Protein backbone atom coordinates (compact mmCIF):
# COMPACT_ATOMS: atom_id res chain seq x y z
CA MET A 1 54.36 149.29 134.68
CA THR A 2 53.17 146.73 132.02
CA LEU A 3 54.90 143.92 133.90
CA VAL A 4 53.49 145.03 137.27
CA LEU A 5 50.02 145.05 135.83
CA ALA A 6 50.42 141.64 134.18
CA ALA A 7 51.70 140.15 137.58
CA VAL A 8 48.67 141.82 139.39
CA ALA A 9 46.44 140.36 136.82
CA VAL A 10 47.94 136.83 137.11
CA ALA A 11 47.71 137.03 140.96
CA ALA A 12 44.14 138.04 140.72
CA VAL A 13 43.21 135.12 138.31
CA GLY A 14 45.12 132.65 140.77
CA PHE A 15 43.16 134.24 143.77
CA MET A 16 39.83 133.85 141.89
CA ALA A 17 40.69 130.37 140.93
CA ALA A 18 41.48 129.38 144.46
CA ALA A 19 38.44 131.08 145.76
CA LEU A 20 36.23 129.23 143.36
CA ALA A 21 38.00 125.95 144.11
CA ALA A 22 37.26 126.61 147.83
CA LEU A 23 33.79 127.49 147.19
CA LEU A 24 33.10 124.45 145.12
CA LEU A 25 34.63 122.32 147.84
CA VAL A 26 32.32 123.93 150.58
CA MET A 27 29.23 123.20 148.20
CA LEU A 28 30.34 119.55 147.73
CA ILE A 29 30.47 119.26 151.56
CA LEU A 30 27.28 121.01 152.18
CA GLY A 31 25.68 118.83 149.30
CA ALA A 32 26.91 115.60 150.84
CA GLN A 33 25.68 116.78 154.28
CA ALA A 34 22.34 117.58 152.86
CA GLU A 35 22.14 114.26 151.17
CA ALA A 36 23.06 112.40 154.46
CA ASP A 37 20.39 114.60 156.37
CA ALA A 38 17.78 113.57 153.82
CA ARG A 39 18.57 109.81 154.04
CA PRO A 40 16.13 108.04 156.35
CA VAL A 41 17.80 106.44 159.32
CA ALA A 42 16.23 103.55 161.06
CA GLY A 43 16.23 103.58 164.80
CA PRO A 44 17.17 100.68 167.02
CA SER A 45 14.83 97.69 167.11
CA GLU A 46 13.77 95.90 170.33
CA ALA A 47 16.41 93.29 169.61
CA ALA A 48 19.09 95.95 169.28
CA LEU A 49 18.14 97.53 172.61
CA ALA A 50 18.31 94.20 174.20
CA ASP A 51 21.67 93.21 172.84
CA ILE A 52 23.72 96.44 172.49
CA PRO A 53 24.97 97.83 175.78
CA ALA A 54 23.16 100.94 176.53
CA ASP A 55 26.43 103.06 176.87
CA LEU A 56 27.60 101.81 173.36
CA LEU A 57 24.50 102.32 171.34
CA PRO A 58 24.88 106.00 171.09
CA VAL A 59 28.48 105.74 170.18
CA TYR A 60 27.75 103.48 167.36
CA ARG A 61 25.15 105.90 166.00
CA GLU A 62 27.20 109.01 166.40
CA ALA A 63 30.38 107.35 164.93
CA ALA A 64 28.51 106.07 161.99
CA GLU A 65 26.76 109.18 161.15
CA SER A 66 29.68 111.62 161.82
CA THR A 67 32.13 109.66 159.68
CA CYS A 68 30.36 109.04 156.33
CA ALA A 69 26.63 108.80 157.32
CA MET A 70 27.06 104.89 157.08
CA ARG A 71 24.37 102.56 158.59
CA TRP A 72 24.93 102.55 162.28
CA SER A 73 23.41 99.06 162.49
CA VAL A 74 26.24 97.67 160.32
CA LEU A 75 28.74 99.24 162.45
CA ALA A 76 27.16 97.80 165.63
CA ALA A 77 26.71 94.38 163.89
CA VAL A 78 30.55 94.39 163.50
CA GLY A 79 30.92 94.94 167.08
CA SER A 80 28.49 92.05 167.71
CA VAL A 81 30.33 89.56 165.63
CA GLU A 82 33.80 90.60 166.72
CA SER A 83 33.47 90.61 170.37
CA ASP A 84 29.81 90.52 171.52
CA HIS A 85 30.24 94.49 171.92
CA GLY A 86 33.32 93.82 174.15
CA ARG A 87 31.58 91.30 176.47
CA SER A 88 33.80 88.36 174.98
CA THR A 89 36.68 87.17 177.27
CA LEU A 90 38.61 85.55 174.36
CA PRO A 91 42.27 86.58 174.06
CA GLY A 92 42.97 89.85 172.47
CA VAL A 93 39.63 91.53 173.27
CA HIS A 94 40.76 93.22 176.55
CA SER A 95 44.50 92.94 176.26
CA GLY A 96 47.24 91.41 174.15
CA ALA A 97 46.19 89.87 170.80
CA ASN A 98 44.70 86.61 169.53
CA SER A 99 46.30 83.92 167.50
CA SER A 100 45.81 86.21 164.23
CA GLY A 101 47.06 89.33 165.94
CA ALA A 102 43.84 90.98 166.37
CA MET A 103 43.21 93.37 169.32
CA GLY A 104 40.43 95.13 171.13
CA PRO A 105 36.69 94.93 170.95
CA MET A 106 36.65 95.62 167.21
CA GLN A 107 39.55 93.23 166.57
CA PHE A 108 42.17 95.40 164.67
CA LEU A 109 45.36 94.10 163.39
CA GLY A 110 48.30 96.51 164.46
CA PRO A 111 49.00 98.03 161.03
CA THR A 112 45.25 98.79 160.32
CA TRP A 113 44.85 100.45 163.70
CA ALA A 114 47.86 102.52 163.14
CA ALA A 115 46.29 103.79 159.89
CA TYR A 116 42.66 104.03 160.98
CA GLY A 117 42.64 104.42 164.81
CA VAL A 118 40.60 107.16 166.19
CA ASP A 119 40.61 109.04 169.50
CA GLY A 120 36.95 108.71 169.84
CA ASP A 121 36.54 109.87 173.53
CA GLY A 122 38.89 112.84 173.12
CA ASP A 123 41.10 111.77 175.97
CA GLY A 124 44.34 112.48 173.78
CA ALA A 125 45.09 108.66 173.22
CA ARG A 126 44.02 106.21 170.51
CA ASP A 127 43.53 103.11 172.60
CA VAL A 128 42.51 99.90 170.63
CA TYR A 129 41.18 98.37 173.69
CA ASN A 130 38.89 101.33 174.52
CA PRO A 131 35.56 100.75 173.18
CA VAL A 132 34.78 104.14 172.19
CA ASP A 133 38.04 104.51 170.30
CA ALA A 134 37.70 101.10 168.78
CA ILE A 135 34.14 101.84 167.51
CA TRP A 136 35.23 105.18 165.96
CA GLY A 137 38.25 103.48 164.43
CA ALA A 138 36.01 100.84 162.93
CA ALA A 139 33.69 103.32 161.48
CA ASN A 140 36.78 105.17 160.06
CA TYR A 141 38.14 102.05 158.35
CA LEU A 142 34.56 101.02 157.00
CA CYS A 143 34.09 104.50 155.62
CA ALA A 144 37.50 104.55 153.95
CA ASN A 145 36.19 101.26 151.95
CA GLY A 146 32.81 102.53 150.83
CA ALA A 147 30.39 101.80 153.69
CA GLY A 148 28.84 105.33 153.30
CA ASP A 149 28.29 105.37 149.48
CA GLY A 150 26.44 101.95 149.04
CA ARG A 151 29.46 99.61 149.07
CA GLU A 152 28.71 97.97 152.32
CA ARG A 153 29.70 94.64 151.26
CA ASN A 154 33.05 95.78 149.82
CA ALA A 155 33.68 97.71 153.19
CA LEU A 156 33.04 94.49 155.21
CA TRP A 157 34.91 92.26 153.07
CA HIS A 158 37.89 94.53 153.54
CA TYR A 159 37.23 94.23 157.42
CA ASN A 160 37.34 90.48 157.14
CA HIS A 161 38.10 88.68 153.82
CA ALA A 162 35.25 86.18 154.09
CA ASP A 163 31.84 86.07 152.48
CA TRP A 164 30.30 84.25 155.32
CA TYR A 165 31.45 87.21 157.67
CA VAL A 166 29.79 89.88 155.32
CA ASP A 167 26.52 87.80 155.24
CA GLN A 168 26.55 87.40 159.01
CA VAL A 169 27.12 91.21 159.74
CA LEU A 170 24.48 92.31 157.48
CA GLU A 171 21.90 89.80 158.62
CA ILE A 172 22.59 91.11 162.24
CA ALA A 173 22.37 94.68 161.06
CA ALA A 174 18.84 94.00 159.64
CA THR A 175 17.67 92.72 163.00
CA TYR A 176 18.91 95.92 164.68
CA GLU A 177 17.07 98.29 162.64
CA ALA A 178 13.61 99.07 164.00
CA ALA A 179 10.68 98.52 161.61
CA GLY A 180 9.98 101.87 159.85
CA SER A 181 8.40 103.61 156.98
CA VAL A 182 9.88 104.35 153.68
CA PRO A 183 9.99 107.57 151.76
CA PRO A 184 7.80 107.90 148.58
CA GLY A 185 9.41 106.75 145.44
CA ASP A 186 9.26 108.17 141.93
CA ALA A 187 8.70 105.33 139.31
CA ARG A 188 10.31 107.25 136.33
CA ALA A 189 13.41 108.25 138.43
CA LEU A 190 13.82 104.50 139.30
CA VAL A 191 14.26 103.35 135.73
CA ASP A 192 17.61 105.03 135.60
CA HIS A 193 18.87 104.35 138.97
CA PRO A 194 22.38 102.68 138.85
CA ASN A 195 21.42 100.19 141.64
CA LEU A 196 18.47 98.86 139.75
CA THR A 197 18.55 96.42 137.06
CA LEU A 198 15.14 95.97 135.07
CA THR A 199 14.00 93.70 132.30
CA PRO A 200 12.37 95.70 129.42
CA GLY A 201 8.88 94.91 130.52
CA ALA A 202 9.50 95.87 134.12
CA ARG A 203 11.12 99.18 132.89
CA GLN A 204 8.26 99.81 130.72
CA ASP A 205 5.72 99.15 133.43
CA LEU A 206 7.34 101.81 135.63
CA LEU A 207 7.42 104.25 132.92
CA ASP A 208 3.73 103.80 132.06
CA GLY A 209 2.80 104.37 135.72
CA ILE A 210 0.90 101.07 136.22
CA ILE A 211 2.75 99.94 139.16
CA ASP A 212 1.46 100.21 142.88
CA GLN A 213 2.93 103.04 144.73
CA ARG A 214 3.89 100.63 147.48
CA VAL A 215 5.83 98.61 144.96
CA VAL A 216 7.54 101.79 143.93
CA ASP A 217 8.30 102.96 147.46
CA LEU A 218 9.84 99.57 148.30
CA LEU A 219 12.15 99.63 145.30
CA ALA A 220 13.15 103.05 146.02
CA TRP A 221 14.03 102.30 149.59
CA ALA A 222 15.92 99.09 148.33
CA VAL A 223 18.19 100.80 145.91
CA GLU A 224 19.46 103.33 148.57
CA ARG A 225 21.12 100.49 150.31
CA HIS A 226 21.38 97.52 147.70
CA THR A 227 21.89 96.65 144.14
CA ILE A 228 19.02 94.69 143.08
CA ALA A 229 17.69 93.20 139.85
CA VAL A 230 14.04 92.83 139.00
CA SER A 231 12.69 90.16 136.62
CA VAL A 232 8.98 91.07 136.42
CA LEU A 233 6.49 93.61 137.74
CA LYS A 234 3.18 93.24 135.84
CA THR A 235 4.14 92.60 132.17
CA GLY A 236 5.10 88.93 131.45
CA HIS A 237 3.30 87.47 134.39
CA SER A 238 0.24 85.14 134.14
CA GLN A 239 -3.12 86.50 135.41
CA TYR A 240 -3.50 83.74 137.82
CA VAL A 241 -1.31 82.31 140.65
CA ALA A 242 0.10 79.15 139.27
CA GLY A 243 -2.29 76.15 139.99
CA THR A 244 -5.12 78.33 141.26
CA ASN A 245 -7.84 80.53 140.05
CA ARG A 246 -6.69 83.49 142.26
CA VAL A 247 -5.71 86.65 140.39
CA SER A 248 -1.90 87.23 140.94
CA ASN A 249 -0.78 90.49 142.49
CA HIS A 250 1.52 90.96 139.67
CA TRP A 251 -1.37 91.15 137.30
CA VAL A 252 -2.80 94.10 139.15
CA GLY A 253 0.58 95.87 139.50
CA ARG A 254 1.13 94.95 143.09
CA GLY A 255 3.82 92.55 142.87
CA VAL A 256 7.66 92.34 142.20
CA ASP A 257 10.10 89.52 141.58
CA ILE A 258 13.73 90.24 142.57
CA TYR A 259 16.34 87.72 141.20
CA ALA A 260 19.62 89.33 142.39
CA VAL A 261 20.93 91.17 145.18
CA ALA A 262 24.39 92.71 145.45
CA GLY A 263 25.25 90.96 142.34
CA GLU A 264 24.49 87.57 143.62
CA LEU A 265 21.59 85.44 142.22
CA VAL A 266 18.94 84.72 144.84
CA SER A 267 19.22 81.22 146.32
CA ARG A 268 19.11 79.59 149.66
CA SER A 269 22.98 80.27 149.97
CA SER A 270 22.83 83.97 149.25
CA GLY A 271 23.45 85.77 152.37
CA ALA A 272 22.95 89.10 150.77
CA ALA A 273 19.68 88.33 149.49
CA ARG A 274 18.54 86.70 152.85
CA ALA A 275 19.64 89.89 154.70
CA PHE A 276 17.74 92.06 152.23
CA ALA A 277 14.44 89.97 152.61
CA ILE A 278 14.77 90.23 156.33
CA ALA A 279 15.11 94.09 156.19
CA ALA A 280 12.00 94.28 153.88
CA LEU A 281 9.91 92.00 156.22
CA ASP A 282 10.83 94.34 159.17
CA LEU A 283 9.38 97.47 157.63
CA SER A 284 6.19 98.80 158.87
CA PRO A 285 2.93 98.64 156.92
CA PRO A 286 2.11 99.69 154.31
CA ALA A 287 5.86 99.38 153.28
CA ARG A 288 6.03 95.87 154.51
CA PRO A 289 4.72 93.43 151.83
CA THR A 290 1.67 91.34 152.73
CA GLU A 291 2.88 88.35 150.84
CA THR A 292 6.51 87.15 150.41
CA GLY A 293 7.80 84.14 148.47
CA LEU A 294 11.46 83.28 149.11
CA PRO A 295 13.96 80.26 149.39
CA TRP A 296 14.46 80.24 153.19
CA PRO A 297 11.87 78.06 154.94
CA ASP A 298 12.86 79.29 158.45
CA LEU A 299 11.65 82.61 157.78
CA THR A 300 8.19 81.29 157.13
CA ASP A 301 6.94 81.88 160.69
CA ARG A 302 6.48 85.54 159.63
CA PRO A 303 3.05 86.63 158.40
CA GLY A 304 2.40 86.14 154.79
CA VAL A 305 5.86 84.61 154.19
CA PHE A 306 6.00 81.23 152.32
CA SER A 307 8.69 79.08 150.55
CA ASP A 308 8.08 76.55 147.83
CA ASP A 309 9.77 75.12 144.74
CA ALA A 310 8.79 78.14 142.70
CA HIS A 311 10.53 80.60 144.86
CA GLN A 312 14.00 79.24 145.22
CA GLY A 313 15.58 81.60 142.61
CA HIS A 314 13.86 84.92 143.41
CA ILE A 315 12.14 86.87 146.13
CA HIS A 316 8.58 87.63 145.62
CA PHE A 317 7.01 90.63 147.33
CA GLY A 318 3.15 91.33 146.94
CA TRP A 319 0.60 93.61 148.49
CA SER A 320 -3.10 93.14 149.02
CA ALA A 321 -5.53 95.65 147.56
CA ASN A 322 -5.67 98.77 149.45
CA PRO A 323 -8.51 99.82 149.92
CA PRO A 324 -10.09 96.37 149.31
CA GLU A 325 -11.40 96.02 145.72
């Protein structure tokens, strides 16, 4: 009898452990889904609507969200670079393979498709030349390499081992996202965010609550999709804009200088920083900065954007007084 009771007790413990493990898994899945649901998703811009075929836009969006809640615009930008969304007539897009062995509108190599290909349209076949299957397969592959958890550059580099390719995809993705608002940020929560590097002065500025909420909101939006490094907010900046008697936005807590994006120092050759700057400039007011200094002269046709010798190694964002002082 003792042995029977012991066996029953062991079985009960094992059942409870299994049940707890299953419950924990369900909670993790629900938590991840809740986080994805809470994450702001940018709609398509006019550029996206004009460039992406109408029948493929919802496929990109559904595939991106249903796999790992990655940015649909990144997935669509891959489709743009790889085959102009299937419109390309180059070898390998609609049949056969190109000289590198890539196939289909999302340009998969055979072994990669075998591992990550998806029957996206539910017809019972995984067809690398079927645009829907190919898009779902690309989402599956990008997600497997971190596209849904803030490692977009890593995921894109695995897709094509070239930094220029990563930069090009992210820049196109930025043009595909409609200008939008950003969620409110919490200054004190930002100081410990793993995607934000702060100098001691900038950290203390956030803790002291002396930074304009629009700056805080932009930083909170930025760290959800990038790793960035901030050199100065208010502390450490001069009162006046260099060479003028105009009070700097930094001096009143309305400016931020960002010196690195995605681990790269800001420079004219940094594609990651450029893509980040474009995304910020495409935001809607009041999130969009009213003044921006950066290293790329070709972006200065946008309102409030300038490029000079003093802004070759960082991106400066500033906001005018609101309401006017």
